[in-house]
Amino acid sequence: MEEITSILKSIQTDLALQKNEMKEIQTNITSEINRNVNEKFEQINEKYKEIEEKLERQEKQIEYLVRQQVKKNLVFFGIPDDDKDYFQLQKKVVDIISKTMKVPCSSSEIESMRRIGKRGNKARPVSVTFLTMGKKLEILKNRKALSNSAFYLKEEFTQKTLEKRKTLQQQVNKLRDEGQIAVLKYDKIFILEKKTQKKRTYSSSPPNTENRKTSQLSKKTRTSMSTFFAPRSSKTSTLENVVTQVDSNTNLI
């Protein structure tokens, strides 16, 4: 009986040891798995960051290229959409620039042009690319010449720039409501300083009584001194002659 009991105890001890070993193995396996998972996650995270940075660089490059494509472009609105070919549209644009805007322009100064969007009930805007930046700026500078016509024009921007300008325009409107002179140029906001004229009004400075009295006193003093040292008048000379004559008569008596 004692032998059986000792055998059972030995078996229980062995089971307990095996159980502990199993726990240790399980813990080691779990920690190893976690370590491997963490390493894999870090690798994936680093790879994701690299891809994200690469994508951001590519987006900037694409945006730059698109900006370069449209930097010499102007968009004309209100041109009737009844042209049958490119050359008819080109003639319309050249006539608007040279005749309506009074800016010298020929077809040779235009690189290309196209209608934007699908044909519909309204006239589609026309995107015009000029050969030089100078010609584009010259036409843009004279766009007010179209104010009394059915046409108007704007600069052409990329889609990303348009979205940014839409957001910035809200800020510009808010600044203007606050009384500031805000201007939106391309994709930046500029705040201009107000021109103040520093002019003193008559009512802005109260009269200085003490200075006025001093001024009046000095004027009186100058007047008295000038009167004292002034040459005698003809009346004074006549009086002196009378006195002299009286004295002479007295001597005769």
Protein backbone atom coordinates (compact mmCIF):
# COMPACT_ATOMS: atom_id res chain seq x y z
CA MET A 1 0.00 0.00 0.00
CA GLU A 2 2.83 2.35 0.88
CA GLU A 3 4.50 1.57 -2.42
CA ILE A 4 1.32 2.45 -4.30
CA THR A 5 1.03 5.70 -2.37
CA SER A 6 4.62 6.64 -3.13
CA ILE A 7 4.10 5.79 -6.78
CA LEU A 8 1.00 8.01 -6.91
CA LYS A 9 2.90 10.86 -5.24
CA SER A 10 5.72 10.41 -7.71
CA ILE A 11 3.24 10.50 -10.59
CA GLN A 12 1.61 13.65 -9.18
CA THR A 13 5.01 15.29 -8.82
CA ASP A 14 5.89 14.41 -12.39
CA LEU A 15 2.56 15.77 -13.61
CA ALA A 16 3.12 19.01 -11.72
CA LEU A 17 6.58 19.36 -13.22
CA GLN A 18 5.25 18.67 -16.69
CA LYS A 19 2.48 21.18 -16.13
CA ASN A 20 4.98 23.86 -15.14
CA GLU A 21 7.13 22.99 -18.13
CA MET A 22 4.10 23.28 -20.39
CA LYS A 23 3.31 26.71 -18.93
CA GLU A 24 6.87 27.85 -19.50
CA ILE A 25 6.80 26.53 -23.04
CA GLN A 26 3.46 28.26 -23.64
CA THR A 27 4.81 31.52 -22.20
CA ASN A 28 7.92 31.29 -24.32
CA ILE A 29 5.91 30.51 -27.43
CA THR A 30 3.53 33.42 -26.73
CA SER A 31 6.36 35.89 -26.13
CA GLU A 32 8.16 34.65 -29.23
CA ILE A 33 5.02 35.01 -31.29
CA ASN A 34 4.44 38.50 -29.89
CA ARG A 35 8.02 39.46 -30.59
CA ASN A 36 7.77 38.19 -34.15
CA VAL A 37 4.44 39.95 -34.61
CA ASN A 38 5.89 43.22 -33.26
CA GLU A 39 8.88 42.94 -35.55
CA LYS A 40 6.63 42.25 -38.51
CA PHE A 41 4.37 45.14 -37.54
CA GLU A 42 7.33 47.53 -37.28
CA GLN A 43 8.58 46.39 -40.67
CA ILE A 44 5.15 46.88 -42.20
CA ASN A 45 4.81 50.28 -40.51
CA GLU A 46 8.20 51.43 -41.83
CA LYS A 47 7.29 50.16 -45.29
CA TYR A 48 3.98 52.03 -45.10
CA LYS A 49 5.76 55.26 -44.14
CA GLU A 50 8.18 54.86 -47.04
CA ILE A 51 5.29 54.30 -49.46
CA GLU A 52 3.40 57.27 -48.00
CA GLU A 53 6.43 59.57 -48.36
CA LYS A 54 7.03 58.32 -51.89
CA LEU A 55 3.38 58.91 -52.78
CA GLU A 56 3.53 62.43 -51.33
CA ARG A 57 6.64 63.22 -53.38
CA GLN A 58 4.97 61.90 -56.52
CA GLU A 59 1.85 63.98 -55.84
CA LYS A 60 3.99 67.10 -55.46
CA GLN A 61 5.80 66.31 -58.70
CA ILE A 62 2.51 65.76 -60.53
CA GLU A 63 1.07 68.98 -59.08
CA TYR A 64 4.18 70.86 -60.20
CA LEU A 65 3.93 69.45 -63.73
CA VAL A 66 0.24 70.32 -63.96
CA ARG A 67 0.96 73.84 -62.70
CA GLN A 68 3.62 74.20 -65.36
CA GLN A 69 1.08 73.13 -67.98
CA VAL A 70 -1.54 75.72 -66.98
CA LYS A 71 0.70 78.61 -65.87
CA LYS A 72 0.37 80.27 -69.32
CA ASN A 73 -3.36 79.54 -69.58
CA LEU A 74 -6.40 81.80 -69.45
CA VAL A 75 -10.00 80.62 -69.43
CA PHE A 76 -12.50 82.62 -71.51
CA PHE A 77 -16.21 82.50 -70.65
CA GLY A 78 -19.24 83.47 -72.72
CA ILE A 79 -17.89 82.54 -76.16
CA PRO A 80 -20.77 81.02 -78.21
CA ASP A 81 -20.40 77.26 -78.53
CA ASP A 82 -21.23 77.09 -82.24
CA ASP A 83 -17.75 76.70 -83.71
CA LYS A 84 -17.37 73.71 -86.00
CA ASP A 85 -13.62 73.30 -85.85
CA TYR A 86 -10.49 74.49 -84.07
CA PHE A 87 -9.79 77.37 -86.46
CA GLN A 88 -13.23 78.93 -86.01
CA LEU A 89 -12.75 78.88 -82.26
CA GLN A 90 -9.26 80.31 -82.66
CA LYS A 91 -10.60 83.21 -84.75
CA LYS A 92 -13.21 84.00 -82.09
CA VAL A 93 -10.60 84.14 -79.35
CA VAL A 94 -8.19 86.27 -81.40
CA ASP A 95 -11.00 88.71 -82.29
CA ILE A 96 -12.01 89.08 -78.64
CA ILE A 97 -8.43 89.80 -77.59
CA SER A 98 -7.44 92.11 -80.44
CA LYS A 99 -10.76 93.90 -81.12
CA THR A 100 -12.72 93.90 -77.86
CA MET A 101 -9.76 94.09 -75.47
CA LYS A 102 -7.58 96.17 -77.84
CA VAL A 103 -4.56 93.96 -77.09
CA PRO A 104 -2.46 93.06 -80.16
CA CYS A 105 -2.63 89.30 -80.63
CA SER A 106 -2.32 86.88 -83.54
CA SER A 107 -2.96 83.18 -83.91
CA SER A 108 0.80 82.57 -83.92
CA GLU A 109 0.95 83.76 -80.28
CA ILE A 110 -1.47 81.04 -79.20
CA GLU A 111 -0.06 77.58 -78.57
CA SER A 112 -3.34 75.71 -78.20
CA MET A 113 -6.95 75.99 -77.00
CA ARG A 114 -9.79 73.68 -76.09
CA ARG A 115 -13.33 73.66 -74.79
CA ILE A 116 -13.71 72.49 -71.18
CA GLY A 117 -16.42 69.95 -70.39
CA LYS A 118 -19.17 68.33 -72.40
CA ARG A 119 -21.43 70.19 -74.81
CA GLY A 120 -24.68 71.30 -73.18
CA ASN A 121 -27.17 74.16 -73.02
CA LYS A 122 -24.56 76.68 -71.87
CA ALA A 123 -21.47 77.79 -73.73
CA ARG A 124 -18.47 75.82 -72.53
CA PRO A 125 -15.47 77.83 -71.29
CA VAL A 126 -12.39 77.93 -73.50
CA SER A 127 -8.93 77.20 -72.11
CA VAL A 128 -6.26 79.09 -74.08
CA THR A 129 -2.53 78.41 -73.79
CA PHE A 130 -0.28 81.27 -74.91
CA LEU A 131 3.25 80.91 -76.18
CA THR A 132 4.72 83.34 -73.66
CA MET A 133 3.97 84.28 -70.08
CA GLY A 134 4.25 87.93 -71.06
CA LYS A 135 1.33 87.74 -73.49
CA LYS A 136 -0.82 86.00 -70.89
CA LEU A 137 -0.06 88.69 -68.28
CA GLU A 138 -0.67 91.48 -70.80
CA ILE A 139 -4.14 90.11 -71.58
CA LEU A 140 -4.90 89.42 -67.92
CA LYS A 141 -3.93 92.99 -67.04
CA ASN A 142 -6.48 94.34 -69.55
CA ARG A 143 -9.37 92.05 -68.59
CA LYS A 144 -11.43 95.04 -67.39
CA ALA A 145 -11.91 95.89 -71.07
CA LEU A 146 -14.42 93.00 -71.15
CA SER A 147 -16.60 94.49 -68.40
CA ASN A 148 -19.13 95.91 -70.89
CA SER A 149 -19.21 92.78 -73.05
CA ALA A 150 -20.69 89.29 -72.78
CA PHE A 151 -17.25 87.81 -72.17
CA TYR A 152 -14.97 87.52 -69.16
CA LEU A 153 -11.79 85.63 -68.36
CA LYS A 154 -9.95 84.10 -65.42
CA GLU A 155 -6.62 82.46 -64.73
CA GLU A 156 -6.60 78.69 -65.02
CA PHE A 157 -5.63 76.74 -61.89
CA THR A 158 -5.14 73.09 -61.06
CA GLN A 159 -7.93 71.22 -59.28
CA LYS A 160 -5.94 71.13 -56.06
CA THR A 161 -5.31 74.88 -56.22
CA LEU A 162 -9.00 75.55 -56.91
CA GLU A 163 -10.00 73.58 -53.83
CA LYS A 164 -7.47 75.48 -51.72
CA ARG A 165 -8.61 78.83 -53.12
CA LYS A 166 -12.21 77.97 -52.28
CA THR A 167 -11.24 77.42 -48.65
CA LEU A 168 -9.05 80.53 -48.55
CA GLN A 169 -11.79 82.69 -50.08
CA GLN A 170 -13.92 82.09 -46.98
CA GLN A 171 -11.07 83.39 -44.82
CA VAL A 172 -10.67 86.41 -47.12
CA ASN A 173 -14.39 87.23 -46.79
CA LYS A 174 -14.13 86.96 -43.01
CA LEU A 175 -11.11 89.29 -42.91
CA ARG A 176 -12.89 91.81 -45.12
CA ASP A 177 -15.93 91.73 -42.84
CA GLU A 178 -13.56 92.61 -39.99
CA GLY A 179 -12.45 95.70 -41.91
CA GLN A 180 -9.10 94.44 -43.20
CA ILE A 181 -7.93 94.75 -46.80
CA ALA A 182 -7.37 91.09 -47.73
CA VAL A 183 -6.41 89.89 -51.21
CA LEU A 184 -6.21 86.32 -52.52
CA LYS A 185 -3.37 85.78 -54.97
CA TYR A 186 -2.96 82.29 -56.41
CA ASP A 187 -3.07 80.15 -53.22
CA LYS A 188 -1.99 82.71 -50.62
CA ILE A 189 -3.70 85.49 -48.67
CA PHE A 190 -2.12 88.93 -48.51
CA ILE A 191 -3.27 91.61 -46.04
CA LEU A 192 -2.59 95.17 -47.17
CA GLU A 193 -1.98 98.03 -44.77
CA LYS A 194 -4.45 100.87 -44.80
CA LYS A 195 -3.14 104.24 -45.99
CA THR A 196 -3.67 106.77 -43.17
CA GLN A 197 -3.42 110.48 -43.74
CA LYS A 198 -1.99 112.20 -40.67
CA LYS A 199 -3.82 115.51 -40.80
CA ARG A 200 -4.67 117.51 -37.69
CA THR A 201 -8.19 118.92 -37.65
CA TYR A 202 -8.98 122.28 -36.10
CA SER A 203 -11.05 120.75 -33.31
CA SER A 204 -8.46 118.11 -32.47
CA SER A 205 -6.19 120.51 -30.57
CA PRO A 206 -7.76 122.83 -27.94
CA PRO A 207 -6.68 126.47 -28.03
CA ASN A 208 -3.79 127.33 -25.74
CA THR A 209 -4.91 130.46 -23.85
CA GLU A 210 -1.55 131.06 -22.24
CA ASN A 211 0.31 130.98 -25.54
CA ARG A 212 -2.31 133.21 -27.11
CA LYS A 213 -1.92 135.82 -24.36
CA THR A 214 1.86 135.69 -24.67
CA SER A 215 1.57 136.15 -28.43
CA GLN A 216 -0.77 139.12 -28.03
CA LEU A 217 1.52 140.69 -25.42
CA SER A 218 4.55 140.31 -27.65
CA LYS A 219 2.62 141.89 -30.54
CA LYS A 220 1.71 144.88 -28.35
CA THR A 221 5.30 145.24 -27.20
CA ARG A 222 6.56 145.17 -30.78
CA THR A 223 3.93 147.72 -31.79
CA SER A 224 4.85 150.09 -28.92
CA MET A 225 8.55 149.84 -29.66
CA SER A 226 8.03 150.42 -33.36
CA THR A 227 5.83 153.41 -32.60
CA PHE A 228 8.40 154.83 -30.21
CA PHE A 229 11.26 154.56 -32.66
CA ALA A 230 9.22 155.51 -35.73
CA PRO A 231 9.93 158.89 -37.44
CA ARG A 232 7.74 161.76 -36.31
CA SER A 233 4.76 162.59 -38.44
CA SER A 234 4.06 165.82 -40.25
CA LYS A 235 1.56 166.91 -37.55
CA THR A 236 4.28 166.71 -34.90
CA SER A 237 6.60 168.79 -37.05
CA THR A 238 3.89 171.43 -37.51
CA LEU A 239 3.29 171.62 -33.76
CA GLU A 240 6.99 172.15 -33.18
CA ASN A 241 7.00 174.96 -35.75
CA VAL A 242 4.08 176.65 -33.97
CA VAL A 243 5.85 176.47 -30.61
CA THR A 244 9.02 177.91 -32.16
CA GLN A 245 7.04 180.73 -33.73
CA VAL A 246 5.35 181.57 -30.39
CA ASP A 247 8.74 181.71 -28.68
CA SER A 248 10.09 184.05 -31.31
CA ASN A 249 7.09 186.37 -30.98
CA THR A 250 7.53 186.44 -27.23
CA ASN A 251 11.10 187.57 -27.66
CA LEU A 252 9.97 190.34 -29.98
CA ILE A 253 7.56 191.70 -27.38
